[in-house]
Structures are given as structure tokens and as C-alpha cells.
Amino acid sequence: MGKALKIGVIGAGSAQFSLGLVRDLCLQESLAGSTVVFMDVDEDRLAMIHRLAVRYVDELGIDLRFERTTERERALREADFVLNTALAGGHEPEEAFRRLATERGYYRGIRLQTNFKQYALMLSIAQDMERLCPNAWLLQSANPVFEGCTLMTRRTGVKAIGLCHGFYGYRRLAQAIGLTGDEIDQVHWQAPGVNHWIYLTEFRLHGEDLYPRIDEWIETKAAAYWATFRGGFGDTQLSRAAIDHYRRVGLMPIGDASRTFSEWYYHTDLETKRRWYGHLGGFDSELGWARYLEGLERNVQKIREVATDTSRRVTELVPPVRTREIQVPIIDAIANDRPGIFQVNVPNQGAIENVAADVVVEGKALVDGSGAKLLHVGKLPEKLMHLVLGPRIAKAERELAAFLTGDRDLLLGCLLLDDHRTQSLEHAEELIDTMLALPWNEDLRRRFGPRRPPLPEYRLPALEETR
């Protein structure tokens, strides 16, 4: 037997995530008797998730209790674990600013607005946890995991573990080189880095290095795969971009590292994205993202239909089969001291020798009753550090410094130094002004203040006058 816990879920209106969590909790016998408190600001979706969860455990005869609230304090008070999957403000402001930025020459937008709002939300949750449940563990699933967890673990004493399922890209790679299901489960792999920028440093089966098989696939099968690929927009692990990136840095990018978070020149416009990522241009093109949102809405509509029709069984919509998410196994490992190896995001503390100790990195860790301890990686290749991880960490540090200080010059630096689409100082200033003027960004206007007055103009002499 395990122990009954209180688990607070922030952003529980994320229907697919919450139902997957309920399913995994039901199948984890050691957590029987636990109470889950769903919290969200959207009362309708919150009520829907609560009804479905209650019906789900009733159908399975599982001893779990569910509560719902729009008050974060109620979800956090005396919690043992807190799961944060919330997107501050939802998708609508994000999409509105994406459109405005695209009109101003920043194709597919920028994430500064979303990131800064997420930083504020994450930090406030961590600060509330220090006050209301100081011994609780925070499992952070909402992005940006890298910067957000670095911020929270530096500014508070919260025990935060960031989670992301992008590492499962190694399985797609193993499948492509001909491994079977049982063989894939036996692959020894390691993919350290920072969240969404992880690289396959080990890839072996029964002692055999599998990298030569990757190279063989590239040489003999890649062209035919790219010519005929008509699969899901999310299958970027085998894209031309992923393979090009591998050839440049010397290690295979895994999951999101091969998607939207790689070299800028894969993403300049739709046709370029189609060249590198296939017919839809990958997950984050206007075509891929529209399909993602449409699919998300279809799934939510199915969930709504079951929620309003009590004659239908929830277990038909969500069969009692474990998901591949690792939140519940990690809760069990910590709460019941059941050691396991999991891919997590926690402060480095020397695991990657050429990354600072207080930077949150991603990698395999031993998780048990004492927490999460990263397995030692050693030094990552210098080429990878120079071309990818060094600049990526510097970008994160600059963005966090801008958020914490409210320094508008640092905010501008996020565009001038880190975004190749920026054409001039005036171009960057205009986009920042546009972002801060949006009605839902009053908090950011207060944080960063008005633009500094421009320098006075003066008459430039004609070129012939300088001779």
C-alpha cells in the first residue's frame, strides 16, 4: 500500500491532460485514497472535467476523490504535489499577437508576450507554494519549462521538476532504423541538454552503437521517406531539418529539438518550412498549427459530448490504459520511495560539466523519496555548446533578466540579439510598442515602461559633399 495524497492541478481545464492524469492515477494502485483538486479560471471547463473524473472512477470502482475550485489557494493549501499545466491568458491573446507580429515582419510571431506572462504566473505559484505547502513538489508541464523552472528554482525554495514528453522522439528514430517494439524498449539512450534542445549522446542496443544505423538510414532511405512523407505534422524526428541539424552539430536532436527550436533558417517562410519539414511545414507553420488547433477542438468537443450525455461511459472515451506521461509515476516514486529513472528538468548541479550549476537542464535522473538526482553526463561536445546550447542558454538568461529587472533595453536585446528577423532598432522598438499597447498587456506596460525618447535627427550631408 502507498499513501493518500493531496494533488493540486493548476490549469485543469486543459481537458486532454486532465483526463490522461485521471486515467494514470486510477491505474496507480499505490495512490488509492488520494484527493485531486482541479483548479482553473474557466468554470465551465472546470465543471466538465470534474464531472468526467467523478464518473470515470465510479465506472472503474477506484478510490479517488475529486474537488474543483477557481481559487488557487484552495488547490495549493497543504498539497503534497502540485501540477502546473496552465497557459496564462489562454490561446487567444497568443494568437492575436502572433498575427500582429507576422504583419510586422516576424513570421509566425514571437513568444515574448506569452513567456513573460508565464514567468509571472509560474513565479507567483511557486511563491504561493512556499507559503501554503512548503514541502510539496511542483511538477511543471506548461511551457516554457526551461526558463520557467530556472526562474522558480533560483528565486524560491520550491522543489520543482519540469516535465516534457519530447524525449520520446528516440523511439521514432529507433523504429525508422528497423528496431521492433521489444527492441525499442531495450534501447539504452541518453539525451541531455535543456528543454526542447536535447541531443542523443548514447543510443545502443545490447552494447551495439546504433548511430551507424542512423547514418545508413540517411544514406539509403531518407530521400525516399521525404519524397513520400504524408504523415502527421508532428513527425519531425526524421525531417530534413533534423538530419541537417545532426550533420552540423554532430549529435542527433531529439523531439522538439528537431522541430521549431532549431536553426532560424529553417523557418523564414512557409515554403522554406515545407522544404525542411514536409508538406505541412511542420508543427508550427500556419498549416500545421491550424491543424493542431482543429484537432484539439475536435477532441475537446468529443469530451464535451460525453460530459453532457450521462448515458455514455467515460471509459469508452478514455480507456483505462496507461498514457506515456510520467507525472503519476514520478509522484509514486517520490511519495512511496519507489526508485525509477525518468527524463526530467532540474537544476544542473554539475551533471553537465560545461553548464552552470543553477541552470535547469534536461536529462535522466534517479527519482525516489529524496527527490530527483540527475545522472552524471560529463562535458557535452564543444561544437554543440558553441553552436547550440551556449547561445540558447544566453538567450534564456537575457530574457529572464529582462523579466526580473523590467529593463527595456534588455527587452529590446531579446529581439536585436536573438531574433534574426529583426531589421533595425526601429523595427524592434515598433514591435515592442505594439506588444505593450495591447489591452491585455497592462502588466507588461507597467513592468517595462515607455520607450526612451529618440535622439534628435540631423541633416546628413550628400555623399558628394563628403569628398
Protein backbone atom coordinates (compact mmCIF):
# COMPACT_ATOMS: atom_id res chain seq x y z
CA MET A 1 0.00 0.00 0.00
CA GLY A 2 1.10 3.55 -0.69
CA LYS A 3 -0.12 6.79 0.83
CA ALA A 4 -3.12 9.01 0.16
CA LEU A 5 -2.04 12.40 -1.19
CA LYS A 6 -3.47 15.80 -1.98
CA ILE A 7 -2.65 16.72 -5.58
CA GLY A 8 -3.46 20.21 -6.85
CA VAL A 9 -3.81 20.68 -10.61
CA ILE A 10 -3.42 24.27 -11.85
CA GLY A 11 -4.89 24.79 -15.31
CA ALA A 12 -7.11 21.71 -15.04
CA GLY A 13 -9.38 22.99 -17.81
CA SER A 14 -6.82 21.50 -20.21
CA ALA A 15 -9.20 18.62 -20.87
CA GLN A 16 -6.91 16.11 -22.56
CA PHE A 17 -4.17 16.48 -19.98
CA SER A 18 -6.52 16.26 -17.01
CA LEU A 19 -8.32 13.16 -18.28
CA GLY A 20 -4.98 11.49 -19.00
CA LEU A 21 -3.91 12.32 -15.45
CA VAL A 22 -7.12 10.82 -14.04
CA ARG A 23 -6.58 7.67 -16.08
CA ASP A 24 -2.99 7.25 -14.86
CA LEU A 25 -3.98 7.91 -11.25
CA CYS A 26 -6.68 5.25 -11.46
CA LEU A 27 -4.12 2.72 -12.66
CA GLN A 28 -1.62 3.56 -9.91
CA GLU A 29 -2.88 1.44 -7.02
CA SER A 30 -0.33 2.86 -4.59
CA LEU A 31 -2.07 6.27 -4.78
CA ALA A 32 -5.55 5.00 -3.88
CA GLY A 33 -7.43 7.24 -1.48
CA SER A 34 -5.81 10.42 -2.83
CA THR A 35 -7.65 13.68 -3.41
CA VAL A 36 -7.21 15.68 -6.59
CA VAL A 37 -8.18 19.36 -6.54
CA PHE A 38 -8.79 20.72 -10.03
CA MET A 39 -8.23 24.48 -10.33
CA ASP A 40 -8.96 26.67 -13.35
CA VAL A 41 -10.35 30.12 -14.09
CA ASP A 42 -12.71 28.70 -16.74
CA GLU A 43 -15.63 27.50 -14.63
CA ASP A 44 -17.40 25.67 -17.46
CA ARG A 45 -14.41 23.56 -18.47
CA LEU A 46 -13.53 23.03 -14.83
CA ALA A 47 -17.01 21.67 -14.08
CA MET A 48 -16.85 19.44 -17.16
CA ILE A 49 -13.53 17.88 -16.13
CA HIS A 50 -14.73 17.36 -12.57
CA ARG A 51 -17.91 15.57 -13.71
CA LEU A 52 -15.97 13.32 -16.05
CA ALA A 53 -13.37 12.45 -13.42
CA VAL A 54 -16.04 11.50 -10.87
CA ARG A 55 -17.83 9.34 -13.40
CA TYR A 56 -14.56 7.73 -14.52
CA VAL A 57 -13.59 6.49 -11.05
CA ASP A 58 -17.16 5.36 -10.40
CA GLU A 59 -17.10 3.25 -13.56
CA LEU A 60 -13.81 1.65 -12.52
CA GLY A 61 -14.59 1.41 -8.81
CA ILE A 62 -11.41 3.31 -7.86
CA ASP A 63 -10.92 5.07 -4.52
CA LEU A 64 -10.01 8.60 -5.66
CA ARG A 65 -11.69 11.87 -4.70
CA PHE A 66 -12.02 14.99 -6.83
CA GLU A 67 -12.72 18.59 -5.94
CA ARG A 68 -12.88 21.69 -8.10
CA THR A 69 -12.16 25.34 -7.41
CA THR A 70 -11.41 28.63 -9.15
CA GLU A 71 -9.28 29.70 -6.16
CA ARG A 72 -5.64 28.76 -6.46
CA GLU A 73 -5.07 28.94 -2.71
CA ARG A 74 -7.58 26.15 -2.10
CA ALA A 75 -5.79 23.87 -4.57
CA LEU A 76 -2.39 24.58 -3.05
CA ARG A 77 -3.07 24.59 0.67
CA GLU A 78 -1.39 21.56 2.28
CA ALA A 79 -0.89 19.88 -1.10
CA ASP A 80 1.69 17.13 -1.43
CA PHE A 81 2.12 17.64 -5.18
CA VAL A 82 1.17 20.50 -7.49
CA LEU A 83 0.88 20.03 -11.26
CA ASN A 84 1.00 23.21 -13.34
CA THR A 85 -0.28 22.94 -16.89
CA ALA A 86 -1.74 26.46 -17.15
CA LEU A 87 -1.29 28.87 -20.06
CA ALA A 88 -1.73 32.40 -18.72
CA GLY A 89 -4.49 34.12 -20.68
CA GLY A 90 -5.16 31.16 -22.95
CA HIS A 91 -4.53 30.78 -26.68
CA GLU A 92 -6.50 33.82 -27.95
CA PRO A 93 -4.05 36.59 -26.86
CA GLU A 94 -1.17 34.42 -28.04
CA GLU A 95 -2.71 34.02 -31.49
CA ALA A 96 -3.69 37.71 -31.72
CA PHE A 97 -0.14 38.86 -31.05
CA ARG A 98 1.23 36.21 -33.39
CA ARG A 99 -0.83 37.77 -36.21
CA LEU A 100 0.33 41.31 -35.35
CA ALA A 101 3.98 40.26 -35.22
CA THR A 102 3.69 38.42 -38.54
CA GLU A 103 2.28 41.59 -40.14
CA ARG A 104 5.39 43.43 -38.92
CA GLY A 105 7.87 41.03 -40.47
CA TYR A 106 8.20 38.45 -37.70
CA TYR A 107 6.87 35.39 -39.50
CA ARG A 108 4.84 33.18 -37.13
CA GLY A 109 5.29 35.72 -34.34
CA ILE A 110 7.47 35.85 -31.23
CA ARG A 111 6.94 34.32 -27.79
CA LEU A 112 7.95 37.26 -25.58
CA GLN A 113 4.38 38.15 -24.60
CA THR A 114 3.47 34.55 -23.75
CA ASN A 115 6.77 33.84 -22.00
CA PHE A 116 6.67 36.90 -19.75
CA LYS A 117 3.11 36.15 -18.68
CA GLN A 118 4.08 32.55 -18.00
CA TYR A 119 7.08 33.66 -15.92
CA ALA A 120 4.82 35.83 -13.77
CA LEU A 121 2.32 33.01 -13.30
CA MET A 122 4.96 30.38 -12.54
CA LEU A 123 6.78 32.57 -10.05
CA SER A 124 3.56 33.51 -8.25
CA ILE A 125 2.57 29.83 -7.98
CA ALA A 126 5.99 28.94 -6.57
CA GLN A 127 5.79 31.80 -4.06
CA ASP A 128 2.30 30.69 -3.00
CA MET A 129 3.58 27.15 -2.55
CA GLU A 130 6.30 28.38 -0.19
CA ARG A 131 3.53 29.86 1.93
CA LEU A 132 0.77 27.24 1.61
CA CYS A 133 2.53 23.91 1.01
CA PRO A 134 6.26 24.39 1.59
CA ASN A 135 7.03 20.67 1.48
CA ALA A 136 5.16 19.98 -1.76
CA TRP A 137 6.71 19.06 -5.09
CA LEU A 138 5.87 21.09 -8.18
CA LEU A 139 5.63 19.21 -11.48
CA GLN A 140 5.82 21.83 -14.22
CA SER A 141 4.37 20.78 -17.58
CA ALA A 142 3.35 24.12 -19.10
CA ASN A 143 5.98 25.86 -21.22
CA PRO A 144 8.47 27.43 -21.12
CA VAL A 145 9.81 24.66 -18.89
CA PHE A 146 13.49 25.60 -19.29
CA GLU A 147 13.30 29.28 -18.37
CA GLY A 148 10.34 28.88 -16.01
CA CYS A 149 11.94 26.17 -13.86
CA THR A 150 15.26 28.03 -13.83
CA LEU A 151 13.42 31.13 -12.61
CA MET A 152 11.44 29.32 -9.90
CA THR A 153 14.33 27.33 -8.50
CA ARG A 154 16.55 30.42 -8.35
CA ARG A 155 14.01 32.78 -6.80
CA THR A 156 12.20 30.41 -4.43
CA GLY A 157 12.86 27.27 -2.42
CA VAL A 158 10.20 25.30 -4.28
CA LYS A 159 11.07 21.73 -5.26
CA ALA A 160 10.31 21.94 -8.97
CA ILE A 161 10.65 19.25 -11.61
CA GLY A 162 9.97 20.19 -15.21
CA LEU A 163 8.47 17.55 -17.49
CA CYS A 164 8.17 17.19 -21.26
CA HIS A 165 7.49 14.19 -23.46
CA GLY A 166 9.65 15.30 -26.39
CA PHE A 167 12.31 12.77 -25.41
CA TYR A 168 10.10 10.01 -26.84
CA GLY A 169 11.48 11.05 -30.23
CA TYR A 170 14.21 8.47 -29.68
CA ARG A 171 11.55 5.77 -30.18
CA ARG A 172 10.57 7.15 -33.60
CA LEU A 173 14.24 7.13 -34.55
CA ALA A 174 14.64 3.54 -33.33
CA GLN A 175 11.60 2.48 -35.34
CA ALA A 176 12.99 4.09 -38.51
CA ILE A 177 16.25 2.13 -38.30
CA GLY A 178 14.32 -1.13 -38.08
CA LEU A 179 14.02 -1.94 -34.38
CA THR A 180 10.93 -3.83 -33.20
CA GLY A 181 8.73 -2.97 -30.22
CA ASP A 182 10.61 -5.21 -27.78
CA GLU A 183 13.97 -3.99 -29.07
CA ILE A 184 12.91 -0.34 -28.75
CA ASP A 185 12.03 -0.95 -25.10
CA GLN A 186 15.54 -2.34 -24.54
CA VAL A 187 17.42 0.55 -26.16
CA HIS A 188 19.87 2.29 -23.86
CA TRP A 189 19.69 6.00 -24.59
CA GLN A 190 20.63 9.31 -23.06
CA ALA A 191 19.51 12.72 -24.32
CA PRO A 192 20.76 15.62 -22.18
CA GLY A 193 20.54 19.33 -22.88
CA VAL A 194 17.96 21.94 -21.98
CA ASN A 195 14.26 21.50 -22.54
CA HIS A 196 13.37 21.36 -26.26
CA TRP A 197 17.11 21.29 -27.07
CA ILE A 198 18.20 17.76 -26.17
CA TYR A 199 20.68 15.57 -28.05
CA LEU A 200 21.26 11.83 -28.28
CA THR A 201 24.63 11.24 -26.61
CA GLU A 202 24.05 7.48 -26.21
CA PHE A 203 21.99 5.19 -28.44
CA ARG A 204 22.76 1.49 -28.00
CA LEU A 205 21.10 -1.91 -28.16
CA HIS A 206 22.81 -4.77 -26.32
CA GLY A 207 26.07 -2.83 -26.50
CA GLU A 208 25.82 -2.01 -30.22
CA ASP A 209 26.19 1.66 -31.10
CA LEU A 210 23.11 2.49 -33.20
CA TYR A 211 24.45 5.71 -34.72
CA PRO A 212 25.86 3.83 -37.77
CA ARG A 213 22.33 2.59 -38.46
CA ILE A 214 21.11 6.20 -38.40
CA ASP A 215 23.79 7.13 -40.92
CA GLU A 216 22.79 4.18 -43.10
CA TRP A 217 19.13 5.27 -42.99
CA ILE A 218 20.14 8.77 -44.08
CA GLU A 219 22.22 7.42 -46.95
CA THR A 220 19.80 4.79 -48.25
CA LYS A 221 16.26 5.66 -47.14
CA ALA A 222 15.93 9.31 -46.19
CA ALA A 223 15.33 10.67 -49.71
CA ALA A 224 12.52 8.20 -50.40
CA TYR A 225 10.96 8.91 -47.00
CA TRP A 226 10.96 12.66 -47.58
CA ALA A 227 9.56 12.25 -51.11
CA THR A 228 6.60 10.18 -49.95
CA PHE A 229 6.00 11.55 -46.45
CA ARG A 230 2.34 12.43 -45.93
CA GLY A 231 2.08 11.63 -42.25
CA GLY A 232 1.24 13.70 -39.21
CA PHE A 233 2.56 17.21 -38.91
CA GLY A 234 4.22 16.30 -35.62
CA ASP A 235 6.56 13.69 -37.13
CA THR A 236 9.64 15.90 -37.38
CA GLN A 237 12.13 13.49 -35.83
CA LEU A 238 13.02 12.22 -39.33
CA SER A 239 12.69 15.56 -41.12
CA ARG A 240 15.33 17.06 -43.39
CA ALA A 241 15.79 19.74 -40.72
CA ALA A 242 16.56 17.15 -38.03
CA ILE A 243 19.08 15.38 -40.26
CA ASP A 244 20.72 18.62 -41.38
CA HIS A 245 20.96 19.73 -37.75
CA TYR A 246 22.53 16.38 -36.80
CA ARG A 247 25.14 16.72 -39.54
CA ARG A 248 26.03 20.24 -38.38
CA VAL A 249 26.33 19.68 -34.62
CA GLY A 250 27.39 16.02 -34.56
CA LEU A 251 24.58 14.65 -32.37
CA MET A 252 21.01 13.76 -33.27
CA PRO A 253 18.42 16.27 -31.98
CA ILE A 254 15.53 14.58 -30.21
CA GLY A 255 11.86 15.60 -30.17
CA ASP A 256 11.30 19.35 -30.14
CA ALA A 257 14.99 19.98 -30.76
CA SER A 258 14.25 18.90 -34.35
CA ARG A 259 11.03 20.90 -34.60
CA THR A 260 10.54 24.62 -34.03
CA PHE A 261 13.54 25.28 -31.83
CA SER A 262 16.41 24.76 -34.24
CA GLU A 263 18.20 27.00 -36.76
CA TRP A 264 16.32 30.14 -37.79
CA TYR A 265 16.92 29.47 -41.48
CA TYR A 266 14.51 26.50 -41.41
CA HIS A 267 11.66 28.88 -40.53
CA THR A 268 11.85 32.02 -42.68
CA ASP A 269 8.57 31.43 -44.55
CA LEU A 270 6.08 28.68 -45.34
CA GLU A 271 7.85 27.34 -48.42
CA THR A 272 11.12 27.13 -46.51
CA LYS A 273 9.41 25.27 -43.69
CA ARG A 274 7.82 22.90 -46.21
CA ARG A 275 11.24 22.21 -47.71
CA TRP A 276 12.67 21.24 -44.31
CA TYR A 277 9.64 19.71 -42.59
CA GLY A 278 7.41 18.24 -45.26
CA HIS A 279 4.09 19.09 -46.88
CA LEU A 280 2.57 20.97 -43.92
CA GLY A 281 5.76 22.73 -42.93
CA GLY A 282 5.93 21.09 -39.52
CA PHE A 283 4.07 21.63 -36.29
CA ASP A 284 4.46 25.41 -36.03
CA SER A 285 3.71 26.52 -39.59
CA GLU A 286 0.40 28.22 -40.22
CA LEU A 287 -0.82 24.97 -41.79
CA GLY A 288 0.49 22.66 -39.07
CA TRP A 289 -0.63 24.87 -36.19
CA ALA A 290 -4.12 25.29 -37.67
CA ARG A 291 -4.43 21.52 -37.95
CA TYR A 292 -3.23 21.15 -34.36
CA LEU A 293 -5.83 23.62 -33.06
CA GLU A 294 -8.55 21.97 -35.15
CA GLY A 295 -7.62 18.57 -33.76
CA LEU A 296 -7.56 19.96 -30.25
CA GLU A 297 -11.03 21.42 -30.67
CA ARG A 298 -12.37 18.15 -32.10
CA ASN A 299 -11.05 16.26 -29.10
CA VAL A 300 -12.49 18.80 -26.67
CA GLN A 301 -15.84 18.55 -28.48
CA LYS A 302 -15.84 14.77 -28.04
CA ILE A 303 -15.11 15.25 -24.37
CA ARG A 304 -17.97 17.78 -24.07
CA GLU A 305 -20.38 15.35 -25.71
CA VAL A 306 -19.57 12.59 -23.23
CA ALA A 307 -19.70 15.06 -20.35
CA THR A 308 -23.27 16.12 -21.23
CA ASP A 309 -24.54 12.61 -22.05
CA THR A 310 -24.59 10.60 -18.83
CA SER A 311 -25.74 7.50 -20.71
CA ARG A 312 -22.29 7.19 -22.26
CA ARG A 313 -19.38 5.60 -20.43
CA VAL A 314 -16.34 7.78 -19.91
CA THR A 315 -14.14 4.70 -20.10
CA GLU A 316 -15.17 4.30 -23.74
CA LEU A 317 -13.79 7.77 -24.46
CA VAL A 318 -10.73 7.25 -22.24
CA PRO A 319 -9.91 3.54 -22.00
CA PRO A 320 -8.14 2.54 -18.76
CA VAL A 321 -4.70 2.14 -20.36
CA ARG A 322 -1.65 4.00 -19.09
CA THR A 323 -0.51 7.03 -21.03
CA ARG A 324 3.14 7.72 -21.78
CA GLU A 325 3.10 10.77 -19.49
CA ILE A 326 5.36 10.42 -16.45
CA GLN A 327 3.70 12.74 -13.89
CA VAL A 328 1.98 9.92 -11.99
CA PRO A 329 4.97 7.52 -11.98
CA ILE A 330 7.11 10.36 -10.62
CA ILE A 331 4.56 11.14 -7.91
CA ASP A 332 4.59 7.47 -6.93
CA ALA A 333 8.41 7.32 -6.98
CA ILE A 334 8.72 10.29 -4.61
CA ALA A 335 5.71 9.71 -2.35
CA ASN A 336 6.24 5.97 -1.92
CA ASP A 337 10.02 5.87 -2.37
CA ARG A 338 9.90 3.64 -5.44
CA PRO A 339 13.16 4.44 -7.28
CA GLY A 340 12.97 4.92 -11.04
CA ILE A 341 14.89 6.57 -13.86
CA PHE A 342 12.99 9.41 -15.55
CA GLN A 343 13.78 12.20 -18.01
CA VAL A 344 13.33 15.42 -16.04
CA ASN A 345 14.27 19.10 -15.92
CA VAL A 346 16.00 20.16 -12.69
CA PRO A 347 18.97 22.37 -11.69
CA ASN A 348 22.16 21.04 -13.25
CA GLN A 349 24.35 20.88 -10.13
CA GLY A 350 27.31 19.50 -12.04
CA ALA A 351 25.61 16.79 -14.10
CA ILE A 352 26.62 18.56 -17.35
CA GLU A 353 30.09 19.85 -16.55
CA ASN A 354 30.13 22.73 -19.04
CA VAL A 355 26.77 24.22 -17.93
CA ALA A 356 26.34 26.38 -14.81
CA ALA A 357 25.05 24.62 -11.70
CA ASP A 358 21.88 26.73 -11.29
CA VAL A 359 20.70 26.38 -14.91
CA VAL A 360 17.83 23.89 -15.19
CA VAL A 361 18.86 21.18 -17.63
CA GLU A 362 17.09 18.13 -19.01
CA GLY A 363 18.34 14.61 -18.65
CA LYS A 364 17.85 11.26 -16.99
CA ALA A 365 17.59 11.28 -13.20
CA LEU A 366 17.16 8.82 -10.39
CA VAL A 367 13.87 9.76 -8.74
CA ASP A 368 12.95 8.37 -5.32
CA GLY A 369 11.79 9.53 -1.91
CA SER A 370 14.65 12.02 -1.69
CA GLY A 371 13.77 13.73 -4.97
CA ALA A 372 15.40 13.80 -8.41
CA LYS A 373 19.17 13.47 -8.88
CA LEU A 374 20.48 13.84 -12.41
CA LEU A 375 22.75 11.11 -13.72
CA HIS A 376 26.23 12.40 -14.48
CA VAL A 377 26.74 13.35 -18.12
CA GLY A 378 30.20 14.88 -18.17
CA LYS A 379 31.08 17.53 -20.74
CA LEU A 380 28.93 17.95 -23.82
CA PRO A 381 30.85 18.42 -27.09
CA GLU A 382 32.31 21.90 -27.52
CA LYS A 383 30.84 22.20 -31.02
CA LEU A 384 27.35 21.60 -29.64
CA MET A 385 27.95 24.13 -26.89
CA HIS A 386 29.25 26.79 -29.30
CA LEU A 387 26.59 26.34 -31.98
CA VAL A 388 23.51 25.49 -29.94
CA LEU A 389 23.41 25.21 -26.17
CA GLY A 390 25.66 28.14 -25.28
CA PRO A 391 23.64 30.63 -27.37
CA ARG A 392 20.37 29.06 -26.17
CA ILE A 393 21.31 29.43 -22.50
CA ALA A 394 22.48 33.03 -23.11
CA LYS A 395 19.12 33.79 -24.73
CA ALA A 396 17.27 32.38 -21.72
CA GLU A 397 19.41 34.37 -19.28
CA ARG A 398 18.76 37.58 -21.24
CA GLU A 399 15.01 37.00 -21.26
CA LEU A 400 14.88 36.21 -17.55
CA ALA A 401 16.99 39.28 -16.78
CA ALA A 402 14.57 41.43 -18.78
CA PHE A 403 11.60 39.97 -16.91
CA LEU A 404 13.15 40.38 -13.46
CA THR A 405 14.53 43.89 -13.95
CA GLY A 406 11.91 45.46 -16.21
CA ASP A 407 14.81 46.88 -18.21
CA ARG A 408 13.52 47.86 -21.63
CA ASP A 409 16.99 47.72 -23.17
CA LEU A 410 17.23 44.06 -22.17
CA LEU A 411 13.77 43.51 -23.63
CA LEU A 412 14.92 45.05 -26.91
CA GLY A 413 18.01 42.88 -26.75
CA CYS A 414 15.78 39.82 -26.92
CA LEU A 415 14.94 40.92 -30.47
CA LEU A 416 18.14 42.67 -31.52
CA LEU A 417 20.49 39.93 -30.37
CA ASP A 418 18.37 36.78 -30.51
CA ASP A 419 15.97 37.18 -33.45
CA HIS A 420 17.37 37.16 -36.98
CA ARG A 421 14.15 38.64 -38.38
CA THR A 422 14.87 41.99 -36.73
CA GLN A 423 15.86 44.53 -39.39
CA SER A 424 16.79 47.57 -37.28
CA LEU A 425 16.49 49.18 -33.86
CA GLU A 426 13.35 50.97 -35.05
CA HIS A 427 11.86 47.67 -36.26
CA ALA A 428 12.35 46.12 -32.83
CA GLU A 429 11.05 49.20 -31.00
CA GLU A 430 7.89 49.23 -33.11
CA LEU A 431 7.11 45.59 -32.32
CA ILE A 432 7.72 46.12 -28.59
CA ASP A 433 5.41 49.17 -28.68
CA THR A 434 2.76 47.07 -30.43
CA MET A 435 3.03 44.32 -27.83
CA LEU A 436 2.88 46.65 -24.83
CA ALA A 437 -0.09 48.58 -26.27
CA LEU A 438 -2.34 45.51 -26.39
CA PRO A 439 -5.23 45.80 -23.88
CA TRP A 440 -4.34 42.59 -22.04
CA ASN A 441 -0.71 43.66 -21.52
CA GLU A 442 -1.15 46.34 -18.88
CA ASP A 443 1.09 44.32 -16.55
CA LEU A 444 3.89 44.36 -19.14
CA ARG A 445 3.41 48.11 -19.76
CA ARG A 446 3.91 48.74 -16.06
CA ARG A 447 6.92 46.43 -15.96
CA PHE A 448 8.79 47.91 -18.93
CA GLY A 449 7.55 51.48 -19.09
CA PRO A 450 7.57 53.83 -22.09
CA ARG A 451 10.10 53.96 -24.88
CA ARG A 452 13.12 56.21 -24.31
CA PRO A 453 12.82 59.47 -26.33
CA PRO A 454 14.69 59.17 -29.64
CA LEU A 455 17.90 61.02 -30.32
CA PRO A 456 17.43 64.25 -32.30
CA GLU A 457 17.69 63.89 -36.06
CA TYR A 458 20.14 65.95 -38.08
CA ARG A 459 20.74 66.65 -41.74
CA LEU A 460 23.10 64.16 -43.37
CA PRO A 461 25.37 65.74 -45.98
CA ALA A 462 25.08 64.47 -49.51
CA LEU A 463 27.77 61.97 -50.45
CA GLU A 464 29.40 64.35 -52.87
CA GLU A 465 29.75 66.91 -50.08
CA THR A 466 31.99 64.48 -48.15
CA ARG A 467 34.58 64.24 -50.92
